[in-house]
Amino acid sequence: MDQPGFDVHIDIPGTTIFDGKQAMKGYALNKMCYEFNKAENREAFKADPEAWMEKYGLNEQQKQAIRDSDILAMIEAGGNIYYLAKLAGIFKLSVQDVGGMQTGRTTEEFKKFLKSQA
């Protein structure tokens, strides 16, 4: 018996679905971001981001997204938002900032939207 959602890729316009293909694409980026669970690694990254990107073997798309502080481009390059949250923090972006980016809203508009859904 087929279970819906397990054999069909859902296309949501403007949304990057994190599936197995994206996980493989973003493995190096997500592995690097996992290391940001430690404060000393976040500081080391801030001191020399290029060295960190090289150390983890990021591809040029991932590196450019980081250079541009573009979280949405990082997601497109295979980043998982749960790992990217630490990197977003390095860029002084909150989860609400990223939510706003993902929905085409400002941070304040996104916060108001969240409150309206409660």
PDB file of N, CA and C in Angstrom:
ATOM      1  N   MET A   1       0.847  -1.184   0.000  1.00  0.00           N
ATOM      2  CA  MET A   1       0.000   0.000   0.000  1.00  0.00           C
ATOM      3  C   MET A   1       0.890   1.244   0.000  1.00  0.00           C
ATOM      4  N   ASP A   2       0.664   2.115  -0.941  1.00  0.00           N
ATOM      5  CA  ASP A   2       1.453   3.345  -1.038  1.00  0.00           C
ATOM      6  C   ASP A   2       1.062   4.315   0.062  1.00  0.00           C
ATOM      7  N   GLN A   3       2.068   4.970   0.613  1.00  0.00           N
ATOM      8  CA  GLN A   3       1.818   6.000   1.608  1.00  0.00           C
ATOM      9  C   GLN A   3       2.087   7.347   0.962  1.00  0.00           C
ATOM     10  N   PRO A   4       1.116   8.253   1.001  1.00  0.00           N
ATOM     11  CA  PRO A   4       1.325   9.566   0.378  1.00  0.00           C
ATOM     12  C   PRO A   4       2.534  10.283   0.956  1.00  0.00           C
ATOM     13  N   GLY A   5       3.266  10.926   0.064  1.00  0.00           N
ATOM     14  CA  GLY A   5       4.400  11.726   0.511  1.00  0.00           C
ATOM     15  C   GLY A   5       5.723  10.997   0.520  1.00  0.00           C
ATOM     16  N   PHE A   6       5.709   9.679   0.407  1.00  0.00           N
ATOM     17  CA  PHE A   6       6.954   8.937   0.466  1.00  0.00           C
ATOM     18  C   PHE A   6       7.553   8.687  -0.911  1.00  0.00           C
ATOM     19  N   ASP A   7       6.738   8.733  -1.944  1.00  0.00           N
ATOM     20  CA  ASP A   7       7.245   8.457  -3.274  1.00  0.00           C
ATOM     21  C   ASP A   7       7.069   9.627  -4.232  1.00  0.00           C
ATOM     22  N   VAL A   8       6.565  10.731  -3.728  1.00  0.00           N
ATOM     23  CA  VAL A   8       6.291  11.885  -4.565  1.00  0.00           C
ATOM     24  C   VAL A   8       7.052  13.086  -4.011  1.00  0.00           C
ATOM     25  N   HIS A   9       7.742  13.795  -4.895  1.00  0.00           N
ATOM     26  CA  HIS A   9       8.416  15.025  -4.492  1.00  0.00           C
ATOM     27  C   HIS A   9       7.421  16.169  -4.612  1.00  0.00           C
ATOM     28  N   ILE A  10       7.167  16.848  -3.526  1.00  0.00           N
ATOM     29  CA  ILE A  10       6.214  17.951  -3.518  1.00  0.00           C
ATOM     30  C   ILE A  10       6.917  19.214  -3.979  1.00  0.00           C
ATOM     31  N   ASP A  11       6.304  19.890  -4.933  1.00  0.00           N
ATOM     32  CA  ASP A  11       6.859  21.140  -5.436  1.00  0.00           C
ATOM     33  C   ASP A  11       6.084  22.300  -4.816  1.00  0.00           C
ATOM     34  N   ILE A  12       6.784  23.057  -3.988  1.00  0.00           N
ATOM     35  CA  ILE A  12       6.198  24.253  -3.392  1.00  0.00           C
ATOM     36  C   ILE A  12       6.963  25.436  -3.965  1.00  0.00           C
ATOM     37  N   PRO A  13       6.347  26.201  -4.855  1.00  0.00           N
ATOM     38  CA  PRO A  13       7.055  27.304  -5.515  1.00  0.00           C
ATOM     39  C   PRO A  13       7.780  28.207  -4.518  1.00  0.00           C
ATOM     40  N   GLY A  14       9.042  28.478  -4.802  1.00  0.00           N
ATOM     41  CA  GLY A  14       9.845  29.358  -3.969  1.00  0.00           C
ATOM     42  C   GLY A  14      10.421  28.692  -2.738  1.00  0.00           C
ATOM     43  N   THR A  15      10.220  27.388  -2.603  1.00  0.00           N
ATOM     44  CA  THR A  15      10.678  26.664  -1.423  1.00  0.00           C
ATOM     45  C   THR A  15      11.674  25.584  -1.815  1.00  0.00           C
ATOM     46  N   THR A  16      12.788  25.545  -1.099  1.00  0.00           N
ATOM     47  CA  THR A  16      13.753  24.477  -1.289  1.00  0.00           C
ATOM     48  C   THR A  16      13.413  23.379  -0.296  1.00  0.00           C
ATOM     49  N   ILE A  17      13.051  22.217  -0.813  1.00  0.00           N
ATOM     50  CA  ILE A  17      12.698  21.077   0.035  1.00  0.00           C
ATOM     51  C   ILE A  17      13.985  20.373   0.441  1.00  0.00           C
ATOM     52  N   PHE A  18      14.167  20.183   1.749  1.00  0.00           N
ATOM     53  CA  PHE A  18      15.352  19.475   2.235  1.00  0.00           C
ATOM     54  C   PHE A  18      15.054  17.985   2.215  1.00  0.00           C
ATOM     55  N   ASP A  19      15.544  17.336   1.172  1.00  0.00           N
ATOM     56  CA  ASP A  19      15.352  15.905   1.011  1.00  0.00           C
ATOM     57  C   ASP A  19      16.730  15.230   0.950  1.00  0.00           C
ATOM     58  N   GLY A  20      16.758  13.976   0.598  1.00  0.00           N
ATOM     59  CA  GLY A  20      18.023  13.249   0.539  1.00  0.00           C
ATOM     60  C   GLY A  20      19.023  13.869  -0.425  1.00  0.00           C
ATOM     61  N   LYS A  21      18.543  14.335  -1.559  1.00  0.00           N
ATOM     62  CA  LYS A  21      19.422  14.968  -2.551  1.00  0.00           C
ATOM     63  C   LYS A  21      20.051  16.237  -1.978  1.00  0.00           C
ATOM     64  N   GLN A  22      19.240  17.057  -1.312  1.00  0.00           N
ATOM     65  CA  GLN A  22      19.754  18.277  -0.701  1.00  0.00           C
ATOM     66  C   GLN A  22      20.714  17.952   0.445  1.00  0.00           C
ATOM     67  N   ALA A  23      20.418  16.903   1.187  1.00  0.00           N
ATOM     68  CA  ALA A  23      21.288  16.504   2.293  1.00  0.00           C
ATOM     69  C   ALA A  23      22.680  16.136   1.776  1.00  0.00           C
ATOM     70  N   MET A  24      22.720  15.417   0.679  1.00  0.00           N
ATOM     71  CA  MET A  24      24.019  15.058   0.095  1.00  0.00           C
ATOM     72  C   MET A  24      24.727  16.306  -0.433  1.00  0.00           C
ATOM     73  N   LYS A  25      23.979  17.166  -1.096  1.00  0.00           N
ATOM     74  CA  LYS A  25      24.541  18.398  -1.652  1.00  0.00           C
ATOM     75  C   LYS A  25      25.129  19.280  -0.551  1.00  0.00           C
ATOM     76  N   GLY A  26      24.469  19.330   0.605  1.00  0.00           N
ATOM     77  CA  GLY A  26      24.885  20.236   1.665  1.00  0.00           C
ATOM     78  C   GLY A  26      25.699  19.612   2.778  1.00  0.00           C
ATOM     79  N   TYR A  27      26.146  18.370   2.589  1.00  0.00           N
ATOM     80  CA  TYR A  27      26.824  17.662   3.677  1.00  0.00           C
ATOM     81  C   TYR A  27      27.978  18.477   4.270  1.00  0.00           C
ATOM     82  N   ALA A  28      28.874  18.986   3.438  1.00  0.00           N
ATOM     83  CA  ALA A  28      30.050  19.721   3.935  1.00  0.00           C
ATOM     84  C   ALA A  28      29.625  20.988   4.677  1.00  0.00           C
ATOM     85  N   LEU A  29      28.663  21.715   4.122  1.00  0.00           N
ATOM     86  CA  LEU A  29      28.177  22.942   4.749  1.00  0.00           C
ATOM     87  C   LEU A  29      27.552  22.642   6.111  1.00  0.00           C
ATOM     88  N   ASN A  30      26.719  21.621   6.166  1.00  0.00           N
ATOM     89  CA  ASN A  30      26.051  21.279   7.423  1.00  0.00           C
ATOM     90  C   ASN A  30      27.039  20.740   8.453  1.00  0.00           C
ATOM     91  N   LYS A  31      28.030  20.009   7.985  1.00  0.00           N
ATOM     92  CA  LYS A  31      29.063  19.502   8.897  1.00  0.00           C
ATOM     93  C   LYS A  31      29.826  20.672   9.518  1.00  0.00           C
ATOM     94  N   MET A  32      30.173  21.666   8.690  1.00  0.00           N
ATOM     95  CA  MET A  32      30.871  22.837   9.208  1.00  0.00           C
ATOM     96  C   MET A  32      29.999  23.569  10.229  1.00  0.00           C
ATOM     97  N   CYS A  33      28.733  23.768   9.897  1.00  0.00           N
ATOM     98  CA  CYS A  33      27.833  24.493  10.797  1.00  0.00           C
ATOM     99  C   CYS A  33      27.629  23.755  12.111  1.00  0.00           C
ATOM    100  N   TYR A  34      27.650  22.441  12.081  1.00  0.00           N
ATOM    101  CA  TYR A  34      27.516  21.663  13.318  1.00  0.00           C
ATOM    102  C   TYR A  34      28.625  22.033  14.303  1.00  0.00           C
ATOM    103  N   GLU A  35      29.803  22.306  13.781  1.00  0.00           N
ATOM    104  CA  GLU A  35      30.947  22.662  14.629  1.00  0.00           C
ATOM    105  C   GLU A  35      30.728  23.987  15.370  1.00  0.00           C
ATOM    106  N   PHE A  36      29.772  24.792  14.904  1.00  0.00           N
ATOM    107  CA  PHE A  36      29.505  26.073  15.552  1.00  0.00           C
ATOM    108  C   PHE A  36      28.712  25.921  16.845  1.00  0.00           C
ATOM    109  N   ASN A  37      28.441  24.690  17.247  1.00  0.00           N
ATOM    110  CA  ASN A  37      27.858  24.460  18.567  1.00  0.00           C
ATOM    111  C   ASN A  37      28.842  24.860  19.658  1.00  0.00           C
ATOM    112  N   LYS A  38      30.118  24.921  19.315  1.00  0.00           N
ATOM    113  CA  LYS A  38      31.163  25.327  20.263  1.00  0.00           C
ATOM    114  C   LYS A  38      31.546  26.780  20.005  1.00  0.00           C
ATOM    115  N   ALA A  39      31.512  27.577  21.065  1.00  0.00           N
ATOM    116  CA  ALA A  39      31.805  29.013  20.947  1.00  0.00           C
ATOM    117  C   ALA A  39      33.177  29.267  20.347  1.00  0.00           C
ATOM    118  N   GLU A  40      34.176  28.458  20.718  1.00  0.00           N
ATOM    119  CA  GLU A  40      35.521  28.686  20.180  1.00  0.00           C
ATOM    120  C   GLU A  40      35.568  28.482  18.661  1.00  0.00           C
ATOM    121  N   ASN A  41      34.732  27.597  18.145  1.00  0.00           N
ATOM    122  CA  ASN A  41      34.690  27.399  16.695  1.00  0.00           C
ATOM    123  C   ASN A  41      34.002  28.573  16.002  1.00  0.00           C
ATOM    124  N   ARG A  42      32.979  29.130  16.629  1.00  0.00           N
ATOM    125  CA  ARG A  42      32.338  30.316  16.051  1.00  0.00           C
ATOM    126  C   ARG A  42      33.333  31.472  15.980  1.00  0.00           C
ATOM    127  N   GLU A  43      34.124  31.628  17.027  1.00  0.00           N
ATOM    128  CA  GLU A  43      35.136  32.698  17.050  1.00  0.00           C
ATOM    129  C   GLU A  43      36.218  32.455  15.994  1.00  0.00           C
ATOM    130  N   ALA A  44      36.629  31.214  15.860  1.00  0.00           N
ATOM    131  CA  ALA A  44      37.654  30.880  14.859  1.00  0.00           C
ATOM    132  C   ALA A  44      37.132  31.138  13.443  1.00  0.00           C
ATOM    133  N   PHE A  45      35.869  30.809  13.206  1.00  0.00           N
ATOM    134  CA  PHE A  45      35.273  31.080  11.902  1.00  0.00           C
ATOM    135  C   PHE A  45      35.255  32.573  11.619  1.00  0.00           C
ATOM    136  N   LYS A  46      34.829  33.362  12.604  1.00  0.00           N
ATOM    137  CA  LYS A  46      34.781  34.820  12.411  1.00  0.00           C
ATOM    138  C   LYS A  46      36.161  35.384  12.105  1.00  0.00           C
ATOM    139  N   ALA A  47      37.198  34.786  12.694  1.00  0.00           N
ATOM    140  CA  ALA A  47      38.569  35.263  12.477  1.00  0.00           C
ATOM    141  C   ALA A  47      39.068  34.942  11.072  1.00  0.00           C
ATOM    142  N   ASP A  48      38.634  33.812  10.500  1.00  0.00           N
ATOM    143  CA  ASP A  48      39.111  33.414   9.168  1.00  0.00           C
ATOM    144  C   ASP A  48      38.091  32.508   8.480  1.00  0.00           C
ATOM    145  N   PRO A  49      36.992  33.100   7.996  1.00  0.00           N
ATOM    146  CA  PRO A  49      35.947  32.280   7.368  1.00  0.00           C
ATOM    147  C   PRO A  49      36.432  31.495   6.148  1.00  0.00           C
ATOM    148  N   GLU A  50      37.332  32.084   5.373  1.00  0.00           N
ATOM    149  CA  GLU A  50      37.817  31.385   4.175  1.00  0.00           C
ATOM    150  C   GLU A  50      38.535  30.088   4.546  1.00  0.00           C
ATOM    151  N   ALA A  51      39.332  30.132   5.593  1.00  0.00           N
ATOM    152  CA  ALA A  51      40.046  28.923   6.037  1.00  0.00           C
ATOM    153  C   ALA A  51      39.055  27.852   6.489  1.00  0.00           C
ATOM    154  N   TRP A  52      38.002  28.267   7.194  1.00  0.00           N
ATOM    155  CA  TRP A  52      37.000  27.302   7.642  1.00  0.00           C
ATOM    156  C   TRP A  52      36.277  26.681   6.458  1.00  0.00           C
ATOM    157  N   MET A  53      35.935  27.491   5.480  1.00  0.00           N
ATOM    158  CA  MET A  53      35.235  26.964   4.308  1.00  0.00           C
ATOM    159  C   MET A  53      36.115  25.978   3.546  1.00  0.00           C
ATOM    160  N   GLU A  54      37.395  26.279   3.449  1.00  0.00           N
ATOM    161  CA  GLU A  54      38.339  25.361   2.806  1.00  0.00           C
ATOM    162  C   GLU A  54      38.496  24.078   3.608  1.00  0.00           C
ATOM    163  N   LYS A  55      38.610  24.216   4.922  1.00  0.00           N
ATOM    164  CA  LYS A  55      38.792  23.061   5.807  1.00  0.00           C
ATOM    165  C   LYS A  55      37.681  22.033   5.611  1.00  0.00           C
ATOM    166  N   TYR A  56      36.470  22.502   5.394  1.00  0.00           N
ATOM    167  CA  TYR A  56      35.326  21.598   5.250  1.00  0.00           C
ATOM    168  C   TYR A  56      34.976  21.287   3.802  1.00  0.00           C
ATOM    169  N   GLY A  57      35.719  21.826   2.855  1.00  0.00           N
ATOM    170  CA  GLY A  57      35.522  21.491   1.450  1.00  0.00           C
ATOM    171  C   GLY A  57      34.247  22.019   0.838  1.00  0.00           C
ATOM    172  N   LEU A  58      33.839  23.217   1.245  1.00  0.00           N
ATOM    173  CA  LEU A  58      32.625  23.793   0.676  1.00  0.00           C
ATOM    174  C   LEU A  58      32.830  24.100  -0.804  1.00  0.00           C
ATOM    175  N   ASN A  59      31.759  23.970  -1.581  1.00  0.00           N
ATOM    176  CA  ASN A  59      31.854  24.307  -2.999  1.00  0.00           C
ATOM    177  C   ASN A  59      31.680  25.816  -3.162  1.00  0.00           C
ATOM    178  N   GLU A  60      31.879  26.306  -4.361  1.00  0.00           N
ATOM    179  CA  GLU A  60      31.862  27.756  -4.591  1.00  0.00           C
ATOM    180  C   GLU A  60      30.486  28.359  -4.314  1.00  0.00           C
ATOM    181  N   GLN A  61      29.412  27.656  -4.647  1.00  0.00           N
ATOM    182  CA  GLN A  61      28.059  28.150  -4.363  1.00  0.00           C
ATOM    183  C   GLN A  61      27.880  28.356  -2.862  1.00  0.00           C
ATOM    184  N   GLN A  62      28.316  27.404  -2.068  1.00  0.00           N
ATOM    185  CA  GLN A  62      28.196  27.509  -0.613  1.00  0.00           C
ATOM    186  C   GLN A  62      29.065  28.634  -0.070  1.00  0.00           C
ATOM    187  N   LYS A  63      30.296  28.724  -0.565  1.00  0.00           N
ATOM    188  CA  LYS A  63      31.204  29.781  -0.105  1.00  0.00           C
ATOM    189  C   LYS A  63      30.637  31.162  -0.407  1.00  0.00           C
ATOM    190  N   GLN A  64      30.105  31.337  -1.614  1.00  0.00           N
ATOM    191  CA  GLN A  64      29.586  32.653  -1.984  1.00  0.00           C
ATOM    192  C   GLN A  64      28.366  33.007  -1.152  1.00  0.00           C
ATOM    193  N   ALA A  65      27.527  32.039  -0.869  1.00  0.00           N
ATOM    194  CA  ALA A  65      26.361  32.293  -0.023  1.00  0.00           C
ATOM    195  C   ALA A  65      26.807  32.756   1.357  1.00  0.00           C
ATOM    196  N   ILE A  66      27.858  32.150   1.892  1.00  0.00           N
ATOM    197  CA  ILE A  66      28.388  32.558   3.197  1.00  0.00           C
ATOM    198  C   ILE A  66      29.010  33.940   3.107  1.00  0.00           C
ATOM    199  N   ARG A  67      29.792  34.176   2.075  1.00  0.00           N
ATOM    200  CA  ARG A  67      30.402  35.504   1.906  1.00  0.00           C
ATOM    201  C   ARG A  67      29.333  36.595   1.844  1.00  0.00           C
ATOM    202  N   ASP A  68      28.190  36.267   1.227  1.00  0.00           N
ATOM    203  CA  ASP A  68      27.101  37.229   1.077  1.00  0.00           C
ATOM    204  C   ASP A  68      26.167  37.249   2.287  1.00  0.00           C
ATOM    205  N   SER A  69      26.425  36.390   3.277  1.00  0.00           N
ATOM    206  CA  SER A  69      25.538  36.236   4.452  1.00  0.00           C
ATOM    207  C   SER A  69      24.105  35.967   4.008  1.00  0.00           C
ATOM    208  N   ASP A  70      23.951  35.164   2.964  1.00  0.00           N
ATOM    209  CA  ASP A  70      22.659  34.901   2.342  1.00  0.00           C
ATOM    210  C   ASP A  70      22.148  33.521   2.777  1.00  0.00           C
ATOM    211  N   ILE A  71      21.351  33.510   3.833  1.00  0.00           N
ATOM    212  CA  ILE A  71      20.848  32.261   4.388  1.00  0.00           C
ATOM    213  C   ILE A  71      19.999  31.503   3.371  1.00  0.00           C
ATOM    214  N   LEU A  72      19.180  32.197   2.597  1.00  0.00           N
ATOM    215  CA  LEU A  72      18.350  31.511   1.611  1.00  0.00           C
ATOM    216  C   LEU A  72      19.203  30.827   0.550  1.00  0.00           C
ATOM    217  N   ALA A  73      20.293  31.458   0.141  1.00  0.00           N
ATOM    218  CA  ALA A  73      21.205  30.827  -0.819  1.00  0.00           C
ATOM    219  C   ALA A  73      21.902  29.624  -0.187  1.00  0.00           C
ATOM    220  N   MET A  74      22.163  29.701   1.118  1.00  0.00           N
ATOM    221  CA  MET A  74      22.767  28.556   1.811  1.00  0.00           C
ATOM    222  C   MET A  74      21.796  27.378   1.836  1.00  0.00           C
ATOM    223  N   ILE A  75      20.516  27.667   2.042  1.00  0.00           N
ATOM    224  CA  ILE A  75      19.503  26.609   2.012  1.00  0.00           C
ATOM    225  C   ILE A  75      19.452  25.992   0.621  1.00  0.00           C
ATOM    226  N   GLU A  76      19.464  26.832  -0.393  1.00  0.00           N
ATOM    227  CA  GLU A  76      19.459  26.354  -1.778  1.00  0.00           C
ATOM    228  C   GLU A  76      20.697  25.509  -2.080  1.00  0.00           C
ATOM    229  N   ALA A  77      21.811  25.832  -1.419  1.00  0.00           N
ATOM    230  CA  ALA A  77      23.071  25.106  -1.626  1.00  0.00           C
ATOM    231  C   ALA A  77      23.161  23.840  -0.768  1.00  0.00           C
ATOM    232  N   GLY A  78      22.039  23.455  -0.146  1.00  0.00           N
ATOM    233  CA  GLY A  78      22.013  22.215   0.616  1.00  0.00           C
ATOM    234  C   GLY A  78      22.026  22.381   2.118  1.00  0.00           C
ATOM    235  N   GLY A  79      22.013  23.615   2.589  1.00  0.00           N
ATOM    236  CA  GLY A  79      22.034  23.845   4.025  1.00  0.00           C
ATOM    237  C   GLY A  79      20.719  23.478   4.690  1.00  0.00           C
ATOM    238  N   ASN A  80      20.829  22.891   5.859  1.00  0.00           N
ATOM    239  CA  ASN A  80      19.659  22.553   6.669  1.00  0.00           C
ATOM    240  C   ASN A  80      19.494  23.667   7.699  1.00  0.00           C
ATOM    241  N   ILE A  81      18.302  24.207   7.809  1.00  0.00           N
ATOM    242  CA  ILE A  81      18.076  25.363   8.675  1.00  0.00           C
ATOM    243  C   ILE A  81      18.488  25.093  10.118  1.00  0.00           C
ATOM    244  N   TYR A  82      18.386  23.863  10.579  1.00  0.00           N
ATOM    245  CA  TYR A  82      18.762  23.558  11.962  1.00  0.00           C
ATOM    246  C   TYR A  82      20.265  23.736  12.182  1.00  0.00           C
ATOM    247  N   TYR A  83      21.056  23.407  11.178  1.00  0.00           N
ATOM    248  CA  TYR A  83      22.500  23.627  11.274  1.00  0.00           C
ATOM    249  C   TYR A  83      22.845  25.080  10.965  1.00  0.00           C
ATOM    250  N   LEU A  84      22.139  25.656   9.998  1.00  0.00           N
ATOM    251  CA  LEU A  84      22.411  27.041   9.600  1.00  0.00           C
ATOM    252  C   LEU A  84      22.066  28.048  10.693  1.00  0.00           C
ATOM    253  N   ALA A  85      21.252  27.658  11.647  1.00  0.00           N
ATOM    254  CA  ALA A  85      20.859  28.588  12.717  1.00  0.00           C
ATOM    255  C   ALA A  85      22.085  29.115  13.461  1.00  0.00           C
ATOM    256  N   LYS A  86      23.080  28.274  13.694  1.00  0.00           N
ATOM    257  CA  LYS A  86      24.300  28.732  14.380  1.00  0.00           C
ATOM    258  C   LYS A  86      25.063  29.722  13.508  1.00  0.00           C
ATOM    259  N   LEU A  87      25.124  29.451  12.212  1.00  0.00           N
ATOM    260  CA  LEU A  87      25.805  30.363  11.303  1.00  0.00           C
ATOM    261  C   LEU A  87      25.032  31.673  11.203  1.00  0.00           C
ATOM    262  N   ALA A  88      23.723  31.593  11.164  1.00  0.00           N
ATOM    263  CA  ALA A  88      22.904  32.808  11.130  1.00  0.00           C
ATOM    264  C   ALA A  88      23.191  33.667  12.357  1.00  0.00           C
ATOM    265  N   GLY A  89      23.380  33.021  13.495  1.00  0.00           N
ATOM    266  CA  GLY A  89      23.711  33.743  14.724  1.00  0.00           C
ATOM    267  C   GLY A  89      25.035  34.473  14.612  1.00  0.00           C
ATOM    268  N   ILE A  90      25.992  33.870  13.938  1.00  0.00           N
ATOM    269  CA  ILE A  90      27.280  34.527  13.712  1.00  0.00           C
ATOM    270  C   ILE A  90      27.072  35.812  12.912  1.00  0.00           C
ATOM    271  N   PHE A  91      26.108  35.772  11.993  1.00  0.00           N
ATOM    272  CA  PHE A  91      25.794  36.943  11.173  1.00  0.00           C
ATOM    273  C   PHE A  91      24.823  37.889  11.870  1.00  0.00           C
ATOM    274  N   LYS A  92      24.528  37.600  13.156  1.00  0.00           N
ATOM    275  CA  LYS A  92      23.612  38.421  13.959  1.00  0.00           C
ATOM    276  C   LYS A  92      22.178  38.382  13.417  1.00  0.00           C
ATOM    277  N   LEU A  93      21.786  37.229  12.865  1.00  0.00           N
ATOM    278  CA  LEU A  93      20.425  37.040  12.382  1.00  0.00           C
ATOM    279  C   LEU A  93      19.688  36.112  13.336  1.00  0.00           C
ATOM    280  N   SER A  94      18.469  36.474  13.671  1.00  0.00           N
ATOM    281  CA  SER A  94      17.647  35.634  14.535  1.00  0.00           C
ATOM    282  C   SER A  94      16.834  34.656  13.686  1.00  0.00           C
ATOM    283  N   VAL A  95      16.189  33.722  14.343  1.00  0.00           N
ATOM    284  CA  VAL A  95      15.308  32.791  13.647  1.00  0.00           C
ATOM    285  C   VAL A  95      14.170  33.575  12.991  1.00  0.00           C
ATOM    286  N   GLN A  96      13.704  34.639  13.645  1.00  0.00           N
ATOM    287  CA  GLN A  96      12.653  35.462  13.061  1.00  0.00           C
ATOM    288  C   GLN A  96      13.139  36.202  11.819  1.00  0.00           C
ATOM    289  N   ASP A  97      14.412  36.634  11.822  1.00  0.00           N
ATOM    290  CA  ASP A  97      14.978  37.260  10.619  1.00  0.00           C
ATOM    291  C   ASP A  97      14.930  36.284   9.450  1.00  0.00           C
ATOM    292  N   VAL A  98      15.367  35.059   9.701  1.00  0.00           N
ATOM    293  CA  VAL A  98      15.394  34.039   8.648  1.00  0.00           C
ATOM    294  C   VAL A  98      13.973  33.695   8.209  1.00  0.00           C
ATOM    295  N   GLY A  99      13.056  33.582   9.163  1.00  0.00           N
ATOM    296  CA  GLY A  99      11.655  33.320   8.815  1.00  0.00           C
ATOM    297  C   GLY A  99      11.091  34.406   7.916  1.00  0.00           C
ATOM    298  N   GLY A 100      11.432  35.635   8.216  1.00  0.00           N
ATOM    299  CA  GLY A 100      11.008  36.737   7.360  1.00  0.00           C
ATOM    300  C   GLY A 100      11.569  36.606   5.954  1.00  0.00           C
ATOM    301  N   MET A 101      12.850  36.263   5.858  1.00  0.00           N
ATOM    302  CA  MET A 101      13.472  36.080   4.543  1.00  0.00           C
ATOM    303  C   MET A 101      12.761  34.979   3.758  1.00  0.00           C
ATOM    304  N   GLN A 102      12.461  33.887   4.447  1.00  0.00           N
ATOM    305  CA  GLN A 102      11.841  32.749   3.785  1.00  0.00           C
ATOM    306  C   GLN A 102      10.427  33.044   3.310  1.00  0.00           C
ATOM    307  N   THR A 103       9.748  33.974   3.963  1.00  0.00           N
ATOM    308  CA  THR A 103       8.360  34.275   3.609  1.00  0.00           C
ATOM    309  C   THR A 103       8.194  35.603   2.881  1.00  0.00           C
ATOM    310  N   GLY A 104       9.314  36.264   2.587  1.00  0.00           N
ATOM    311  CA  GLY A 104       9.235  37.535   1.872  1.00  0.00           C
ATOM    312  C   GLY A 104       8.715  38.681   2.722  1.00  0.00           C
ATOM    313  N   ARG A 105       8.920  38.561   4.039  1.00  0.00           N
ATOM    314  CA  ARG A 105       8.471  39.601   4.960  1.00  0.00           C
ATOM    315  C   ARG A 105       9.676  40.224   5.655  1.00  0.00           C
ATOM    316  N   THR A 106       9.475  41.405   6.197  1.00  0.00           N
ATOM    317  CA  THR A 106      10.491  41.953   7.090  1.00  0.00           C
ATOM    318  C   THR A 106      10.415  41.164   8.390  1.00  0.00           C
ATOM    319  N   THR A 107      11.405  41.328   9.237  1.00  0.00           N
ATOM    320  CA  THR A 107      11.392  40.633  10.529  1.00  0.00           C
ATOM    321  C   THR A 107      10.169  41.045  11.336  1.00  0.00           C
ATOM    322  N   GLU A 108       9.858  42.326  11.369  1.00  0.00           N
ATOM    323  CA  GLU A 108       8.696  42.798  12.126  1.00  0.00           C
ATOM    324  C   GLU A 108       7.394  42.249  11.553  1.00  0.00           C
ATOM    325  N   GLU A 109       7.274  42.235  10.231  1.00  0.00           N
ATOM    326  CA  GLU A 109       6.074  41.665   9.607  1.00  0.00           C
ATOM    327  C   GLU A 109       5.944  40.187   9.952  1.00  0.00           C
ATOM    328  N   PHE A 110       7.061  39.478   9.951  1.00  0.00           N
ATOM    329  CA  PHE A 110       7.034  38.055  10.273  1.00  0.00           C
ATOM    330  C   PHE A 110       6.621  37.829  11.728  1.00  0.00           C
ATOM    331  N   LYS A 111       7.144  38.640  12.637  1.00  0.00           N
ATOM    332  CA  LYS A 111       6.763  38.516  14.041  1.00  0.00           C
ATOM    333  C   LYS A 111       5.263  38.764  14.209  1.00  0.00           C
ATOM    334  N   LYS A 112       4.727  39.785  13.536  1.00  0.00           N
ATOM    335  CA  LYS A 112       3.293  40.071  13.613  1.00  0.00           C
ATOM    336  C   LYS A 112       2.483  38.902  13.045  1.00  0.00           C
ATOM    337  N   PHE A 113       2.979  38.328  11.954  1.00  0.00           N
ATOM    338  CA  PHE A 113       2.312  37.175  11.364  1.00  0.00           C
ATOM    339  C   PHE A 113       2.267  36.017  12.351  1.00  0.00           C
ATOM    340  N   LEU A 114       3.388  35.748  13.014  1.00  0.00           N
ATOM    341  CA  LEU A 114       3.427  34.655  13.982  1.00  0.00           C
ATOM    342  C   LEU A 114       2.432  34.884  15.120  1.00  0.00           C
ATOM    343  N   LYS A 115       2.398  36.111  15.608  1.00  0.00           N
ATOM    344  CA  LYS A 115       1.454  36.431  16.694  1.00  0.00           C
ATOM    345  C   LYS A 115       0.010  36.274  16.245  1.00  0.00           C
ATOM    346  N   SER A 116      -0.266  36.594  14.996  1.00  0.00           N
ATOM    347  CA  SER A 116      -1.648  36.495  14.478  1.00  0.00           C
ATOM    348  C   SER A 116      -2.085  35.035  14.350  1.00  0.00           C
ATOM    349  N   GLN A 117      -1.146  34.107  14.334  1.00  0.00           N
ATOM    350  CA  GLN A 117      -1.474  32.692  14.162  1.00  0.00           C
ATOM    351  C   GLN A 117      -1.714  31.983  15.493  1.00  0.00           C
ATOM    352  N   ALA A 118      -1.452  32.663  16.588  1.00  0.00           N
ATOM    353  CA  ALA A 118      -1.590  32.044  17.921  1.00  0.00           C
ATOM    354  C   ALA A 118      -3.023  31.901  18.356  1.00  0.00           C
TER     355      ALA A 118
END
